[in-house]
PDB file of N, CA and C in Angstrom:
ATOM      1  N   MET A   1    -116.857 -94.208-232.198  1.00  0.00           N
ATOM      2  CA  MET A   1    -116.316 -93.102-230.977  1.00  0.00           C
ATOM      3  C   MET A   1    -115.204 -92.098-232.031  1.00  0.00           C
ATOM      4  N   LYS A   2    -115.753 -91.234-231.437  1.00  0.00           N
ATOM      5  CA  LYS A   2    -115.651 -89.882-232.024  1.00  0.00           C
ATOM      6  C   LYS A   2    -114.152 -89.386-231.651  1.00  0.00           C
ATOM      7  N   ALA A   3    -113.228 -88.671-232.773  1.00  0.00           N
ATOM      8  CA  ALA A   3    -111.905 -88.309-232.223  1.00  0.00           C
ATOM      9  C   ALA A   3    -112.452 -87.707-230.956  1.00  0.00           C
ATOM     10  N   ASN A   4    -113.529 -86.524-230.335  1.00  0.00           N
ATOM     11  CA  ASN A   4    -112.896 -85.621-229.164  1.00  0.00           C
ATOM     12  C   ASN A   4    -113.471 -86.529-227.842  1.00  0.00           C
ATOM     13  N   GLU A   5    -114.067 -87.326-228.124  1.00  0.00           N
ATOM     14  CA  GLU A   5    -114.360 -88.476-227.201  1.00  0.00           C
ATOM     15  C   GLU A   5    -113.397 -88.910-226.818  1.00  0.00           C
ATOM     16  N   PHE A   6    -112.965 -89.483-228.081  1.00  0.00           N
ATOM     17  CA  PHE A   6    -111.559 -90.676-227.756  1.00  0.00           C
ATOM     18  C   PHE A   6    -110.624 -89.794-226.992  1.00  0.00           C
ATOM     19  N   ASP A   7    -110.520 -88.801-227.177  1.00  0.00           N
ATOM     20  CA  ASP A   7    -109.320 -87.202-227.222  1.00  0.00           C
ATOM     21  C   ASP A   7    -109.745 -87.721-224.845  1.00  0.00           C
ATOM     22  N   GLN A   8    -110.725 -87.107-225.188  1.00  0.00           N
ATOM     23  CA  GLN A   8    -111.373 -87.112-223.872  1.00  0.00           C
ATOM     24  C   GLN A   8    -110.796 -88.027-222.649  1.00  0.00           C
ATOM     25  N   GLN A   9    -111.781 -89.520-223.141  1.00  0.00           N
ATOM     26  CA  GLN A   9    -111.492 -90.490-221.993  1.00  0.00           C
ATOM     27  C   GLN A   9    -110.124 -90.514-222.161  1.00  0.00           C
ATOM     28  N   PHE A  10    -109.015 -90.399-223.051  1.00  0.00           N
ATOM     29  CA  PHE A  10    -107.292 -90.307-223.057  1.00  0.00           C
ATOM     30  C   PHE A  10    -107.133 -89.868-222.102  1.00  0.00           C
ATOM     31  N   ASP A  11    -107.363 -88.329-221.860  1.00  0.00           N
ATOM     32  CA  ASP A  11    -107.149 -87.491-221.348  1.00  0.00           C
ATOM     33  C   ASP A  11    -107.558 -87.810-219.743  1.00  0.00           C
ATOM     34  N   ASN A  12    -108.496 -88.582-219.296  1.00  0.00           N
ATOM     35  CA  ASN A  12    -109.082 -88.722-218.773  1.00  0.00           C
ATOM     36  C   ASN A  12    -108.887 -90.048-218.257  1.00  0.00           C
ATOM     37  N   ASN A  13    -107.387 -90.532-218.435  1.00  0.00           N
ATOM     38  CA  ASN A  13    -106.618 -91.736-218.248  1.00  0.00           C
ATOM     39  C   ASN A  13    -107.481 -93.113-217.736  1.00  0.00           C
ATOM     40  N   LYS A  14    -109.194 -92.616-218.973  1.00  0.00           N
ATOM     41  CA  LYS A  14    -109.296 -93.813-219.277  1.00  0.00           C
ATOM     42  C   LYS A  14    -109.093 -94.578-220.169  1.00  0.00           C
ATOM     43  N   ASP A  15    -109.289 -96.414-219.801  1.00  0.00           N
ATOM     44  CA  ASP A  15    -109.144 -97.407-221.320  1.00  0.00           C
ATOM     45  C   ASP A  15    -109.543 -97.088-222.230  1.00  0.00           C
ATOM     46  N   VAL A  16    -108.674 -96.794-223.079  1.00  0.00           N
ATOM     47  CA  VAL A  16    -109.259 -96.964-224.953  1.00  0.00           C
ATOM     48  C   VAL A  16    -108.651 -97.979-225.429  1.00  0.00           C
ATOM     49  N   SER A  17    -107.815 -98.647-225.007  1.00  0.00           N
ATOM     50  CA  SER A  17    -107.683 -99.830-225.877  1.00  0.00           C
ATOM     51  C   SER A  17    -108.691-101.003-227.039  1.00  0.00           C
ATOM     52  N   ALA A  18    -109.656-100.849-226.081  1.00  0.00           N
ATOM     53  CA  ALA A  18    -110.571-101.424-227.113  1.00  0.00           C
ATOM     54  C   ALA A  18    -111.384-101.099-228.214  1.00  0.00           C
ATOM     55  N   VAL A  19    -111.028 -99.773-228.453  1.00  0.00           N
ATOM     56  CA  VAL A  19    -111.644 -98.945-229.515  1.00  0.00           C
ATOM     57  C   VAL A  19    -110.509 -99.002-230.910  1.00  0.00           C
ATOM     58  N   LEU A  20    -109.417 -99.296-230.224  1.00  0.00           N
ATOM     59  CA  LEU A  20    -107.602 -99.309-231.269  1.00  0.00           C
ATOM     60  C   LEU A  20    -108.183-100.221-232.194  1.00  0.00           C
ATOM     61  N   GLU A  21    -107.491-100.395-233.376  1.00  0.00           N
ATOM     62  CA  GLU A  21    -107.362-101.158-234.319  1.00  0.00           C
ATOM     63  C   GLU A  21    -105.728-101.493-234.241  1.00  0.00           C
ATOM     64  N   LEU A  22    -105.420-102.230-233.611  1.00  0.00           N
ATOM     65  CA  LEU A  22    -103.770-102.172-232.828  1.00  0.00           C
ATOM     66  C   LEU A  22    -103.379-102.769-234.725  1.00  0.00           C
ATOM     67  N   GLY A  23    -103.745-103.843-235.012  1.00  0.00           N
ATOM     68  CA  GLY A  23    -103.508-104.535-236.446  1.00  0.00           C
ATOM     69  C   GLY A  23    -103.022-103.705-237.288  1.00  0.00           C
ATOM     70  N   LYS A  24    -103.618-102.811-237.186  1.00  0.00           N
ATOM     71  CA  LYS A  24    -103.523-101.201-238.584  1.00  0.00           C
ATOM     72  C   LYS A  24    -102.237-100.178-238.295  1.00  0.00           C
ATOM     73  N   ALA A  25    -101.866-100.609-236.681  1.00  0.00           N
ATOM     74  CA  ALA A  25    -100.998 -99.421-236.185  1.00  0.00           C
ATOM     75  C   ALA A  25     -99.693 -99.497-236.988  1.00  0.00           C
ATOM     76  N   LYS A  26     -98.701 -98.191-237.108  1.00  0.00           N
ATOM     77  CA  LYS A  26     -97.829 -98.492-237.274  1.00  0.00           C
ATOM     78  C   LYS A  26     -96.788 -97.402-236.421  1.00  0.00           C
ATOM     79  N   ARG A  27     -95.476 -97.617-236.277  1.00  0.00           N
ATOM     80  CA  ARG A  27     -94.722 -96.752-235.524  1.00  0.00           C
ATOM     81  C   ARG A  27     -94.126 -96.123-236.170  1.00  0.00           C
ATOM     82  N   VAL A  28     -94.543 -94.744-236.446  1.00  0.00           N
ATOM     83  CA  VAL A  28     -94.131 -93.856-237.055  1.00  0.00           C
ATOM     84  C   VAL A  28     -92.479 -93.452-237.280  1.00  0.00           C
ATOM     85  N   LEU A  29     -92.052 -93.524-238.566  1.00  0.00           N
ATOM     86  CA  LEU A  29     -90.275 -93.399-238.185  1.00  0.00           C
ATOM     87  C   LEU A  29     -89.791 -94.454-238.542  1.00  0.00           C
ATOM     88  N   LEU A  30     -90.360 -95.694-237.859  1.00  0.00           N
ATOM     89  CA  LEU A  30     -89.519 -96.766-237.229  1.00  0.00           C
ATOM     90  C   LEU A  30     -90.096 -98.057-238.551  1.00  0.00           C
ATOM     91  N   GLU A  31     -90.228 -97.880-239.513  1.00  0.00           N
ATOM     92  CA  GLU A  31     -90.677 -98.858-240.610  1.00  0.00           C
ATOM     93  C   GLU A  31     -89.520 -99.308-240.719  1.00  0.00           C
ATOM     94  N   GLN A  32     -88.954-100.339-241.070  1.00  0.00           N
ATOM     95  CA  GLN A  32     -87.926-100.736-241.475  1.00  0.00           C
ATOM     96  C   GLN A  32     -88.284-100.986-243.200  1.00  0.00           C
ATOM     97  N   LYS A  33     -86.589-100.655-243.573  1.00  0.00           N
ATOM     98  CA  LYS A  33     -86.401-101.054-244.889  1.00  0.00           C
ATOM     99  C   LYS A  33     -85.120-102.018-245.626  1.00  0.00           C
ATOM    100  N   ARG A  34     -85.160-102.529-245.847  1.00  0.00           N
ATOM    101  CA  ARG A  34     -84.165-103.541-246.275  1.00  0.00           C
ATOM    102  C   ARG A  34     -82.839-102.839-247.003  1.00  0.00           C
ATOM    103  N   VAL A  35     -81.497-103.040-246.683  1.00  0.00           N
ATOM    104  CA  VAL A  35     -80.231-102.457-247.524  1.00  0.00           C
ATOM    105  C   VAL A  35     -79.015-103.059-247.656  1.00  0.00           C
ATOM    106  N   ASN A  36     -78.805-103.344-248.236  1.00  0.00           N
ATOM    107  CA  ASN A  36     -77.522-104.406-248.513  1.00  0.00           C
ATOM    108  C   ASN A  36     -76.304-103.151-248.640  1.00  0.00           C
ATOM    109  N   VAL A  37     -75.299-103.933-247.405  1.00  0.00           N
ATOM    110  CA  VAL A  37     -73.930-102.964-247.550  1.00  0.00           C
ATOM    111  C   VAL A  37     -72.327-103.790-247.376  1.00  0.00           C
ATOM    112  N   ASP A  38     -71.986-103.775-248.321  1.00  0.00           N
ATOM    113  CA  ASP A  38     -70.608-104.421-248.389  1.00  0.00           C
ATOM    114  C   ASP A  38     -69.684-103.887-247.736  1.00  0.00           C
ATOM    115  N   PHE A  39     -68.872-105.114-247.446  1.00  0.00           N
ATOM    116  CA  PHE A  39     -68.093-104.532-245.690  1.00  0.00           C
ATOM    117  C   PHE A  39     -66.727-105.397-246.112  1.00  0.00           C
ATOM    118  N   PRO A  40     -65.713-104.886-245.510  1.00  0.00           N
ATOM    119  CA  PRO A  40     -63.840-105.530-246.003  1.00  0.00           C
ATOM    120  C   PRO A  40     -64.098-106.268-245.187  1.00  0.00           C
ATOM    121  N   THR A  41     -63.818-107.840-245.027  1.00  0.00           N
ATOM    122  CA  THR A  41     -63.518-108.915-244.157  1.00  0.00           C
ATOM    123  C   THR A  41     -63.346-108.467-242.290  1.00  0.00           C
ATOM    124  N   TRP A  42     -62.079-107.897-242.492  1.00  0.00           N
ATOM    125  CA  TRP A  42     -61.446-107.089-241.236  1.00  0.00           C
ATOM    126  C   TRP A  42     -62.438-106.304-240.821  1.00  0.00           C
ATOM    127  N   MET A  43     -63.554-105.551-241.379  1.00  0.00           N
ATOM    128  CA  MET A  43     -64.358-105.274-240.266  1.00  0.00           C
ATOM    129  C   MET A  43     -65.535-106.138-239.984  1.00  0.00           C
ATOM    130  N   ILE A  44     -65.991-106.975-240.910  1.00  0.00           N
ATOM    131  CA  ILE A  44     -67.729-108.029-240.481  1.00  0.00           C
ATOM    132  C   ILE A  44     -65.983-108.603-238.959  1.00  0.00           C
ATOM    133  N   GLU A  45     -65.011-109.410-239.110  1.00  0.00           N
ATOM    134  CA  GLU A  45     -64.265-109.673-238.105  1.00  0.00           C
ATOM    135  C   GLU A  45     -64.543-108.935-236.875  1.00  0.00           C
ATOM    136  N   SER A  46     -64.601-107.912-236.835  1.00  0.00           N
ATOM    137  CA  SER A  46     -63.905-106.536-235.921  1.00  0.00           C
ATOM    138  C   SER A  46     -65.733-106.605-235.631  1.00  0.00           C
ATOM    139  N   LEU A  47     -66.724-106.300-236.076  1.00  0.00           N
ATOM    140  CA  LEU A  47     -67.976-106.640-235.675  1.00  0.00           C
ATOM    141  C   LEU A  47     -68.444-107.408-234.824  1.00  0.00           C
ATOM    142  N   ASP A  48     -67.879-108.954-235.561  1.00  0.00           N
ATOM    143  CA  ASP A  48     -68.146-110.345-235.243  1.00  0.00           C
ATOM    144  C   ASP A  48     -67.775-110.200-233.891  1.00  0.00           C
ATOM    145  N   ARG A  49     -66.962-109.416-233.452  1.00  0.00           N
ATOM    146  CA  ARG A  49     -65.665-109.679-232.072  1.00  0.00           C
ATOM    147  C   ARG A  49     -66.585-109.392-231.305  1.00  0.00           C
ATOM    148  N   GLU A  50     -67.038-107.428-231.592  1.00  0.00           N
ATOM    149  CA  GLU A  50     -67.856-106.110-230.831  1.00  0.00           C
ATOM    150  C   GLU A  50     -69.176-106.949-230.212  1.00  0.00           C
ATOM    151  N   ALA A  51     -69.454-107.896-231.226  1.00  0.00           N
ATOM    152  CA  ALA A  51     -71.446-108.125-231.039  1.00  0.00           C
ATOM    153  C   ALA A  51     -71.175-108.956-230.192  1.00  0.00           C
ATOM    154  N   ARG A  52     -70.079-109.881-230.128  1.00  0.00           N
ATOM    155  CA  ARG A  52     -70.360-111.332-229.229  1.00  0.00           C
ATOM    156  C   ARG A  52     -70.305-110.264-227.826  1.00  0.00           C
ATOM    157  N   LYS A  53     -69.132-109.726-227.364  1.00  0.00           N
ATOM    158  CA  LYS A  53     -68.737-108.941-226.453  1.00  0.00           C
ATOM    159  C   LYS A  53     -69.890-108.330-225.820  1.00  0.00           C
ATOM    160  N   LEU A  54     -70.701-107.923-227.059  1.00  0.00           N
ATOM    161  CA  LEU A  54     -71.973-107.548-226.124  1.00  0.00           C
ATOM    162  C   LEU A  54     -73.457-108.471-226.332  1.00  0.00           C
ATOM    163  N   GLY A  55     -72.722-109.587-226.681  1.00  0.00           N
ATOM    164  CA  GLY A  55     -74.032-110.578-226.684  1.00  0.00           C
ATOM    165  C   GLY A  55     -75.304-110.230-227.943  1.00  0.00           C
ATOM    166  N   VAL A  56     -74.497-109.749-228.816  1.00  0.00           N
ATOM    167  CA  VAL A  56     -76.109-109.132-229.547  1.00  0.00           C
ATOM    168  C   VAL A  56     -75.535-109.650-231.291  1.00  0.00           C
ATOM    169  N   THR A  57     -76.422-109.745-232.341  1.00  0.00           N
ATOM    170  CA  THR A  57     -75.776-110.217-233.467  1.00  0.00           C
ATOM    171  C   THR A  57     -74.819-108.742-234.155  1.00  0.00           C
ATOM    172  N   ARG A  58     -74.382-109.311-235.061  1.00  0.00           N
ATOM    173  CA  ARG A  58     -73.448-108.320-236.205  1.00  0.00           C
ATOM    174  C   ARG A  58     -74.742-107.280-236.649  1.00  0.00           C
ATOM    175  N   GLN A  59     -75.660-107.768-236.757  1.00  0.00           N
ATOM    176  CA  GLN A  59     -76.906-106.720-237.325  1.00  0.00           C
ATOM    177  C   GLN A  59     -76.957-105.665-236.310  1.00  0.00           C
ATOM    178  N   SER A  60     -77.218-106.234-235.036  1.00  0.00           N
ATOM    179  CA  SER A  60     -77.736-105.263-233.489  1.00  0.00           C
ATOM    180  C   SER A  60     -76.601-104.418-233.946  1.00  0.00           C
ATOM    181  N   ILE A  61     -75.398-104.391-233.801  1.00  0.00           N
ATOM    182  CA  ILE A  61     -74.297-103.546-233.149  1.00  0.00           C
ATOM    183  C   ILE A  61     -73.887-103.110-234.515  1.00  0.00           C
ATOM    184  N   ILE A  62     -74.592-103.467-235.561  1.00  0.00           N
ATOM    185  CA  ILE A  62     -74.266-101.768-236.636  1.00  0.00           C
ATOM    186  C   ILE A  62     -75.552-101.130-236.323  1.00  0.00           C
ATOM    187  N   LYS A  63     -76.603-101.435-236.193  1.00  0.00           N
ATOM    188  CA  LYS A  63     -77.881-100.449-235.923  1.00  0.00           C
ATOM    189  C   LYS A  63     -77.441 -99.714-234.853  1.00  0.00           C
ATOM    190  N   ILE A  64     -76.551-100.753-234.074  1.00  0.00           N
ATOM    191  CA  ILE A  64     -76.430 -99.522-232.601  1.00  0.00           C
ATOM    192  C   ILE A  64     -75.958 -98.677-232.973  1.00  0.00           C
ATOM    193  N   TRP A  65     -74.897 -98.813-233.637  1.00  0.00           N
ATOM    194  CA  TRP A  65     -73.384 -97.836-233.223  1.00  0.00           C
ATOM    195  C   TRP A  65     -73.645 -96.832-234.818  1.00  0.00           C
ATOM    196  N   LEU A  66     -74.575 -97.692-235.319  1.00  0.00           N
ATOM    197  CA  LEU A  66     -75.214 -96.056-236.770  1.00  0.00           C
ATOM    198  C   LEU A  66     -76.287 -95.279-235.816  1.00  0.00           C
ATOM    199  N   ALA A  67     -77.527 -95.772-235.018  1.00  0.00           N
ATOM    200  CA  ALA A  67     -77.980 -94.926-234.596  1.00  0.00           C
ATOM    201  C   ALA A  67     -77.782 -94.020-233.320  1.00  0.00           C
ATOM    202  N   GLU A  68     -76.638 -94.298-232.533  1.00  0.00           N
ATOM    203  CA  GLU A  68     -75.823 -93.463-231.739  1.00  0.00           C
ATOM    204  C   GLU A  68     -74.817 -92.468-232.822  1.00  0.00           C
ATOM    205  N   ARG A  69     -74.449 -93.003-234.077  1.00  0.00           N
ATOM    206  CA  ARG A  69     -73.814 -91.959-234.250  1.00  0.00           C
ATOM    207  C   ARG A  69     -75.110 -90.931-234.898  1.00  0.00           C
ATOM    208  N   LEU A  70     -75.700 -91.192-235.625  1.00  0.00           N
ATOM    209  CA  LEU A  70     -76.498 -90.217-236.169  1.00  0.00           C
ATOM    210  C   LEU A  70     -77.687 -89.608-234.715  1.00  0.00           C
ATOM    211  N   GLU A  71     -77.631 -89.684-233.744  1.00  0.00           N
ATOM    212  CA  GLU A  71     -77.998 -89.114-232.861  1.00  0.00           C
ATOM    213  C   GLU A  71     -76.864 -87.800-232.862  1.00  0.00           C
ATOM    214  N   ARG A  72     -75.469 -88.386-232.446  1.00  0.00           N
ATOM    215  CA  ARG A  72     -75.116 -87.009-232.030  1.00  0.00           C
ATOM    216  C   ARG A  72     -74.824 -86.041-233.182  1.00  0.00           C
ATOM    217  N   SER A  73     -75.297 -86.515-234.605  1.00  0.00           N
ATOM    218  CA  SER A  73     -75.097 -85.682-235.323  1.00  0.00           C
ATOM    219  C   SER A  73     -75.977 -85.240-236.300  1.00  0.00           C
ATOM    220  N   VAL A  74     -77.394 -85.600-236.004  1.00  0.00           N
ATOM    221  CA  VAL A  74     -78.287 -84.722-236.546  1.00  0.00           C
ATOM    222  C   VAL A  74     -79.066 -84.283-235.839  1.00  0.00           C
ATOM    223  N   PRO A  75     -79.293 -83.019-235.909  1.00  0.00           N
ATOM    224  CA  PRO A  75     -79.961 -81.983-235.235  1.00  0.00           C
ATOM    225  C   PRO A  75     -81.512 -82.547-234.823  1.00  0.00           C
ATOM    226  N   CYS A  76     -82.229 -82.572-233.895  1.00  0.00           N
ATOM    227  CA  CYS A  76     -83.731 -82.845-233.650  1.00  0.00           C
ATOM    228  C   CYS A  76     -84.114 -81.916-233.684  1.00  0.00           C
TER     229      CYS A  76
END
């Protein structure tokens, strides 16, 4: 299917999922990259307490808080 035909069908609310190669799809700017960060023990303990309160993992609370901070400080 050519791009203009795809666009037209999409714009007309037609189901175009059959022609998508979802196995090759990428989430732009959401690819993950592993980093290592050393924290003092008191900070790890505080993170764990907050994570338990929210019912999430330590990694999740770090991601949540960093995302919130970055959203406030980085202009869109």
